[in-house]
Amino acid sequence: MKKFITNIVAVSSLFLATQQFNAQKTVVNREVETQKDGKMLLGHQLKEQFLKAPYSDWYVKEHDDYALDQKAISELRKERLGTYDIIVFMGTWCEDSHRDFPRLMKILEEVSFPESKLSIIAVNRKKESPSGDEGLYNIQKVPTIILKRYGKEAGRIVEMPTSGYIERDLAEILKKNDSSVIKEIFK
C-alpha cells in the first residue's frame, strides 16, 4: 500500500510539474515595437489588450458602431455556437483585422460565448507568431476565424466573410456542420 501511495504521489508531482512547464511556455499579451508598424501585438492575446492604446483607437469604434444582424445572432444561439472552440488569427497592422476582429468580438459578446473557448493569436506581417500556431492551421491571410468541435475543424472564415457579415457566415458553418453530423448518424 505504501508503494502504491508513493507511486501516486510521484506521478501526480510529475504531472503538476509538466503542467506548470507547459503553462510557462505560452506568453500572453506580448507586445513588440517595430520600425514600420510601431507597437504590434504578437502571439496569444486576451481581448482586454485591445482596449489599450494604440489598439483601442480602431477596436472600440468598430466594435461599438457595428450593427449586428439579429436574425443571424438568433441562429448562432439556436445552433449553440458556445459548443465550439474558436481560434482567431489576426494582425494589429492589418486593416481587415481592424474591421472584422472587433465585429467578431461584439458577436461573441452578444451570444455570451465563453472566453475560455476563444483563442486570439496575433501575427506579424509574415503571418507568424512566436508559438508557430499559424503553421498548424495553414494561415495565409488574416483575419482567419476557425471553428473547431470535438478537436476537428468545422469551418473557417478567411480574410472577409463571404456574405458580408461574420455572424451570417458563422451561422452557415454551424448549419453545415450540424447537417453533416446528422448524415453520419443516419448512415
C-alpha atoms as a PDB file:
ATOM      1  CA  MET A   1       0.000   0.000   0.000  1.00  0.00           C
ATOM      2  CA  LYS A   2       2.859   2.370   0.866  1.00  0.00           C
ATOM      3  CA  LYS A   3       4.455   1.730  -2.513  1.00  0.00           C
ATOM      4  CA  PHE A   4       1.128   2.419  -4.267  1.00  0.00           C
ATOM      5  CA  ILE A   5       0.703   5.769  -2.470  1.00  0.00           C
ATOM      6  CA  THR A   6       4.340   6.690  -3.177  1.00  0.00           C
ATOM      7  CA  ASN A   7       3.819   5.970  -6.882  1.00  0.00           C
ATOM      8  CA  ILE A   8       0.640   8.065  -6.976  1.00  0.00           C
ATOM      9  CA  VAL A   9       2.422  10.979  -5.287  1.00  0.00           C
ATOM     10  CA  ALA A  10       5.362  10.690  -7.722  1.00  0.00           C
ATOM     11  CA  VAL A  11       3.119  10.558 -10.794  1.00  0.00           C
ATOM     12  CA  SER A  12       0.994  13.463  -9.511  1.00  0.00           C
ATOM     13  CA  SER A  13       4.102  15.568  -8.881  1.00  0.00           C
ATOM     14  CA  LEU A  14       5.413  14.817 -12.356  1.00  0.00           C
ATOM     15  CA  PHE A  15       2.036  15.709 -13.880  1.00  0.00           C
ATOM     16  CA  LEU A  16       1.869  19.024 -11.990  1.00  0.00           C
ATOM     17  CA  ALA A  17       5.458  19.905 -12.924  1.00  0.00           C
ATOM     18  CA  THR A  18       4.689  19.176 -16.591  1.00  0.00           C
ATOM     19  CA  GLN A  19       1.545  21.316 -16.465  1.00  0.00           C
ATOM     20  CA  GLN A  20       3.458  24.212 -14.895  1.00  0.00           C
ATOM     21  CA  PHE A  21       6.229  23.899 -17.508  1.00  0.00           C
ATOM     22  CA  ASN A  22       3.701  23.881 -20.363  1.00  0.00           C
ATOM     23  CA  ALA A  23       1.824  26.834 -18.872  1.00  0.00           C
ATOM     24  CA  GLN A  24       5.044  28.823 -18.679  1.00  0.00           C
ATOM     25  CA  LYS A  25       5.839  28.268 -22.357  1.00  0.00           C
ATOM     26  CA  THR A  26       2.902  30.364 -23.624  1.00  0.00           C
ATOM     27  CA  VAL A  27       3.474  34.086 -23.231  1.00  0.00           C
ATOM     28  CA  VAL A  28       0.204  36.028 -23.260  1.00  0.00           C
ATOM     29  CA  ASN A  29      -0.300  39.656 -24.324  1.00  0.00           C
ATOM     30  CA  ARG A  30       3.139  40.047 -25.919  1.00  0.00           C
ATOM     31  CA  GLU A  31       3.675  43.465 -27.467  1.00  0.00           C
ATOM     32  CA  VAL A  32       6.613  44.354 -29.691  1.00  0.00           C
ATOM     33  CA  GLU A  33       7.870  47.586 -31.217  1.00  0.00           C
ATOM     34  CA  THR A  34       8.594  47.604 -34.955  1.00  0.00           C
ATOM     35  CA  GLN A  35      10.091  50.307 -37.134  1.00  0.00           C
ATOM     36  CA  LYS A  36       7.444  50.007 -39.827  1.00  0.00           C
ATOM     37  CA  ASP A  37       4.302  49.453 -37.758  1.00  0.00           C
ATOM     38  CA  GLY A  38       5.149  50.828 -34.320  1.00  0.00           C
ATOM     39  CA  LYS A  39       3.566  48.830 -31.497  1.00  0.00           C
ATOM     40  CA  MET A  40       2.234  45.436 -32.528  1.00  0.00           C
ATOM     41  CA  LEU A  41       0.683  42.560 -30.607  1.00  0.00           C
ATOM     42  CA  LEU A  42       2.246  39.173 -31.244  1.00  0.00           C
ATOM     43  CA  GLY A  43       1.147  35.724 -30.129  1.00  0.00           C
ATOM     44  CA  HIS A  44      -1.664  34.728 -27.768  1.00  0.00           C
ATOM     45  CA  GLN A  45      -3.762  37.667 -26.601  1.00  0.00           C
ATOM     46  CA  LEU A  46      -6.627  38.373 -24.233  1.00  0.00           C
ATOM     47  CA  LYS A  47      -9.409  40.601 -25.527  1.00  0.00           C
ATOM     48  CA  GLU A  48      -8.633  43.225 -22.865  1.00  0.00           C
ATOM     49  CA  GLN A  49      -5.392  44.047 -24.744  1.00  0.00           C
ATOM     50  CA  PHE A  50      -7.444  45.637 -27.499  1.00  0.00           C
ATOM     51  CA  LEU A  51      -8.933  48.160 -25.083  1.00  0.00           C
ATOM     52  CA  LYS A  52      -5.476  49.683 -24.574  1.00  0.00           C
ATOM     53  CA  ALA A  53      -3.815  52.285 -26.800  1.00  0.00           C
ATOM     54  CA  PRO A  54      -2.940  52.220 -29.641  1.00  0.00           C
ATOM     55  CA  TYR A  55      -5.258  49.267 -30.465  1.00  0.00           C
ATOM     56  CA  SER A  56      -8.299  50.833 -28.821  1.00  0.00           C
ATOM     57  CA  ASP A  57      -8.193  53.591 -31.476  1.00  0.00           C
ATOM     58  CA  TRP A  58      -9.598  51.210 -34.082  1.00  0.00           C
ATOM     59  CA  TYR A  59     -11.041  48.449 -31.890  1.00  0.00           C
ATOM     60  CA  VAL A  60     -13.545  50.437 -29.806  1.00  0.00           C
ATOM     61  CA  LYS A  61     -15.004  52.432 -32.691  1.00  0.00           C
ATOM     62  CA  GLU A  62     -15.545  49.408 -34.944  1.00  0.00           C
ATOM     63  CA  HIS A  63     -16.882  47.317 -32.043  1.00  0.00           C
ATOM     64  CA  ASP A  64     -19.347  49.972 -30.885  1.00  0.00           C
ATOM     65  CA  ASP A  65     -20.512  51.097 -34.345  1.00  0.00           C
ATOM     66  CA  TYR A  66     -21.178  47.625 -35.762  1.00  0.00           C
ATOM     67  CA  ALA A  67     -24.884  46.818 -36.216  1.00  0.00           C
ATOM     68  CA  LEU A  68     -25.473  43.130 -35.584  1.00  0.00           C
ATOM     69  CA  ASP A  69     -27.692  41.013 -37.830  1.00  0.00           C
ATOM     70  CA  GLN A  70     -30.132  39.902 -35.121  1.00  0.00           C
ATOM     71  CA  LYS A  71     -31.552  37.061 -37.223  1.00  0.00           C
ATOM     72  CA  ALA A  72     -28.076  35.562 -37.589  1.00  0.00           C
ATOM     73  CA  ILE A  73     -27.409  36.139 -33.865  1.00  0.00           C
ATOM     74  CA  SER A  74     -30.577  34.155 -33.068  1.00  0.00           C
ATOM     75  CA  GLU A  75     -29.362  31.349 -35.337  1.00  0.00           C
ATOM     76  CA  LEU A  76     -25.981  31.301 -33.567  1.00  0.00           C
ATOM     77  CA  ARG A  77     -27.748  30.914 -30.237  1.00  0.00           C
ATOM     78  CA  LYS A  78     -30.056  28.211 -31.616  1.00  0.00           C
ATOM     79  CA  GLU A  79     -27.169  26.304 -33.227  1.00  0.00           C
ATOM     80  CA  ARG A  80     -25.221  26.613 -29.941  1.00  0.00           C
ATOM     81  CA  LEU A  81     -22.086  28.440 -31.041  1.00  0.00           C
ATOM     82  CA  GLY A  82     -20.819  28.062 -27.461  1.00  0.00           C
ATOM     83  CA  THR A  83     -20.265  24.335 -28.013  1.00  0.00           C
ATOM     84  CA  TYR A  84     -17.455  25.152 -30.469  1.00  0.00           C
ATOM     85  CA  ASP A  85     -13.919  26.405 -29.923  1.00  0.00           C
ATOM     86  CA  ILE A  86     -12.876  29.479 -31.885  1.00  0.00           C
ATOM     87  CA  ILE A  87      -9.325  30.343 -32.896  1.00  0.00           C
ATOM     88  CA  VAL A  88      -8.756  33.771 -34.422  1.00  0.00           C
ATOM     89  CA  PHE A  89      -5.576  34.721 -36.227  1.00  0.00           C
ATOM     90  CA  MET A  90      -5.314  38.470 -36.724  1.00  0.00           C
ATOM     91  CA  GLY A  91      -2.795  41.248 -37.200  1.00  0.00           C
ATOM     92  CA  THR A  92      -2.856  44.558 -35.365  1.00  0.00           C
ATOM     93  CA  TRP A  93      -1.244  46.038 -38.504  1.00  0.00           C
ATOM     94  CA  CYS A  94      -3.994  44.696 -40.820  1.00  0.00           C
ATOM     95  CA  GLU A  95      -6.976  46.819 -41.949  1.00  0.00           C
ATOM     96  CA  ASP A  96      -9.196  43.754 -42.469  1.00  0.00           C
ATOM     97  CA  SER A  97      -8.419  42.689 -38.883  1.00  0.00           C
ATOM     98  CA  HIS A  98      -9.178  46.244 -37.699  1.00  0.00           C
ATOM     99  CA  ARG A  99     -12.646  45.867 -39.246  1.00  0.00           C
ATOM    100  CA  ASP A 100     -13.585  42.247 -38.610  1.00  0.00           C
ATOM    101  CA  PHE A 101     -11.919  41.354 -35.312  1.00  0.00           C
ATOM    102  CA  PRO A 102     -13.894  43.936 -33.251  1.00  0.00           C
ATOM    103  CA  ARG A 103     -17.063  42.848 -35.049  1.00  0.00           C
ATOM    104  CA  LEU A 104     -16.390  39.209 -34.166  1.00  0.00           C
ATOM    105  CA  MET A 105     -15.831  40.154 -30.540  1.00  0.00           C
ATOM    106  CA  LYS A 106     -19.150  42.030 -30.441  1.00  0.00           C
ATOM    107  CA  ILE A 107     -20.904  38.973 -31.912  1.00  0.00           C
ATOM    108  CA  LEU A 108     -19.316  36.676 -29.330  1.00  0.00           C
ATOM    109  CA  GLU A 109     -20.295  39.031 -26.506  1.00  0.00           C
ATOM    110  CA  GLU A 110     -23.883  39.144 -27.795  1.00  0.00           C
ATOM    111  CA  VAL A 111     -24.223  35.338 -27.733  1.00  0.00           C
ATOM    112  CA  SER A 112     -22.362  35.056 -24.379  1.00  0.00           C
ATOM    113  CA  PHE A 113     -19.604  32.956 -25.948  1.00  0.00           C
ATOM    114  CA  PRO A 114     -17.325  31.537 -23.211  1.00  0.00           C
ATOM    115  CA  GLU A 115     -13.948  33.290 -23.238  1.00  0.00           C
ATOM    116  CA  SER A 116     -12.310  30.012 -22.234  1.00  0.00           C
ATOM    117  CA  LYS A 117     -13.210  28.602 -25.672  1.00  0.00           C
ATOM    118  CA  LEU A 118     -11.643  31.521 -27.570  1.00  0.00           C
ATOM    119  CA  SER A 119      -8.001  31.779 -28.665  1.00  0.00           C
ATOM    120  CA  ILE A 120      -6.765  35.043 -30.153  1.00  0.00           C
ATOM    121  CA  ILE A 121      -3.401  34.823 -31.893  1.00  0.00           C
ATOM    122  CA  ALA A 122      -1.797  37.963 -33.285  1.00  0.00           C
ATOM    123  CA  VAL A 123       0.685  37.504 -36.133  1.00  0.00           C
ATOM    124  CA  ASN A 124       3.276  39.705 -37.809  1.00  0.00           C
ATOM    125  CA  ARG A 125       3.214  40.739 -41.480  1.00  0.00           C
ATOM    126  CA  LYS A 126       4.708  37.376 -42.463  1.00  0.00           C
ATOM    127  CA  LYS A 127       1.701  35.724 -40.710  1.00  0.00           C
ATOM    128  CA  GLU A 128       3.971  34.305 -37.993  1.00  0.00           C
ATOM    129  CA  SER A 129       3.501  34.056 -34.237  1.00  0.00           C
ATOM    130  CA  PRO A 130       6.060  33.132 -31.560  1.00  0.00           C
ATOM    131  CA  SER A 131       4.355  29.784 -30.868  1.00  0.00           C
ATOM    132  CA  GLY A 132       4.125  28.759 -34.536  1.00  0.00           C
ATOM    133  CA  ASP A 133       0.385  28.020 -34.275  1.00  0.00           C
ATOM    134  CA  GLU A 134      -0.173  29.505 -37.729  1.00  0.00           C
ATOM    135  CA  GLY A 135       1.671  26.547 -39.251  1.00  0.00           C
ATOM    136  CA  LEU A 136      -0.741  24.068 -37.659  1.00  0.00           C
ATOM    137  CA  TYR A 137      -3.664  25.820 -39.356  1.00  0.00           C
ATOM    138  CA  ASN A 138      -2.024  26.842 -42.657  1.00  0.00           C
ATOM    139  CA  ILE A 139      -2.731  30.543 -42.139  1.00  0.00           C
ATOM    140  CA  GLN A 140      -2.234  32.514 -45.359  1.00  0.00           C
ATOM    141  CA  LYS A 141      -4.404  35.586 -44.734  1.00  0.00           C
ATOM    142  CA  VAL A 142      -5.742  37.476 -41.743  1.00  0.00           C
ATOM    143  CA  PRO A 143      -8.086  37.636 -40.129  1.00  0.00           C
ATOM    144  CA  THR A 144      -8.811  33.902 -40.173  1.00  0.00           C
ATOM    145  CA  ILE A 145     -11.560  32.667 -37.864  1.00  0.00           C
ATOM    146  CA  ILE A 146     -11.550  28.904 -37.276  1.00  0.00           C
ATOM    147  CA  LEU A 147     -14.368  26.959 -35.629  1.00  0.00           C
ATOM    148  CA  LYS A 148     -13.499  23.612 -34.073  1.00  0.00           C
ATOM    149  CA  ARG A 149     -15.715  20.991 -32.495  1.00  0.00           C
ATOM    150  CA  TYR A 150     -14.527  17.814 -30.803  1.00  0.00           C
ATOM    151  CA  GLY A 151     -10.990  18.726 -31.870  1.00  0.00           C
ATOM    152  CA  LYS A 152     -11.837  18.873 -35.584  1.00  0.00           C
ATOM    153  CA  GLU A 153     -12.135  21.943 -37.753  1.00  0.00           C
ATOM    154  CA  ALA A 154     -15.794  22.635 -38.583  1.00  0.00           C
ATOM    155  CA  GLY A 155     -15.116  25.602 -40.866  1.00  0.00           C
ATOM    156  CA  ARG A 156     -13.307  28.894 -41.259  1.00  0.00           C
ATOM    157  CA  ILE A 157     -13.729  32.449 -42.442  1.00  0.00           C
ATOM    158  CA  VAL A 158     -10.649  33.718 -44.257  1.00  0.00           C
ATOM    159  CA  GLU A 159      -9.935  37.449 -44.612  1.00  0.00           C
ATOM    160  CA  MET A 160     -13.545  38.531 -45.233  1.00  0.00           C
ATOM    161  CA  PRO A 161     -16.943  36.928 -44.657  1.00  0.00           C
ATOM    162  CA  THR A 162     -18.421  35.777 -47.985  1.00  0.00           C
ATOM    163  CA  SER A 163     -21.892  37.037 -47.006  1.00  0.00           C
ATOM    164  CA  GLY A 164     -20.514  40.377 -45.841  1.00  0.00           C
ATOM    165  CA  TYR A 165     -21.490  39.530 -42.236  1.00  0.00           C
ATOM    166  CA  ILE A 166     -19.377  37.411 -39.912  1.00  0.00           C
ATOM    167  CA  GLU A 167     -22.418  36.271 -37.953  1.00  0.00           C
ATOM    168  CA  ARG A 168     -24.128  35.013 -41.127  1.00  0.00           C
ATOM    169  CA  ASP A 169     -21.029  33.080 -42.195  1.00  0.00           C
ATOM    170  CA  LEU A 170     -20.694  31.603 -38.696  1.00  0.00           C
ATOM    171  CA  ALA A 171     -24.341  30.506 -38.768  1.00  0.00           C
ATOM    172  CA  GLU A 172     -23.776  28.834 -42.160  1.00  0.00           C
ATOM    173  CA  ILE A 173     -20.767  26.929 -40.817  1.00  0.00           C
ATOM    174  CA  LEU A 174     -22.835  25.709 -37.853  1.00  0.00           C
ATOM    175  CA  LYS A 175     -25.736  24.631 -40.074  1.00  0.00           C
ATOM    176  CA  LYS A 176     -23.431  22.723 -42.442  1.00  0.00           C
ATOM    177  CA  ASN A 177     -21.688  21.064 -39.515  1.00  0.00           C
ATOM    178  CA  ASP A 178     -24.968  20.022 -37.894  1.00  0.00           C
ATOM    179  CA  SER A 179     -26.313  18.584 -41.151  1.00  0.00           C
ATOM    180  CA  SER A 180     -23.105  16.586 -41.696  1.00  0.00           C
ATOM    181  CA  VAL A 181     -23.365  15.205 -38.142  1.00  0.00           C
ATOM    182  CA  ILE A 182     -26.972  14.133 -38.848  1.00  0.00           C
ATOM    183  CA  LYS A 183     -25.876  12.437 -42.100  1.00  0.00           C
ATOM    184  CA  GLU A 184     -23.197  10.498 -40.167  1.00  0.00           C
ATOM    185  CA  ILE A 185     -25.746   9.356 -37.594  1.00  0.00           C
ATOM    186  CA  PHE A 186     -28.167   8.014 -40.230  1.00  0.00           C
ATOM    187  CA  LYS A 187     -25.575   6.313 -42.476  1.00  0.00           C
END
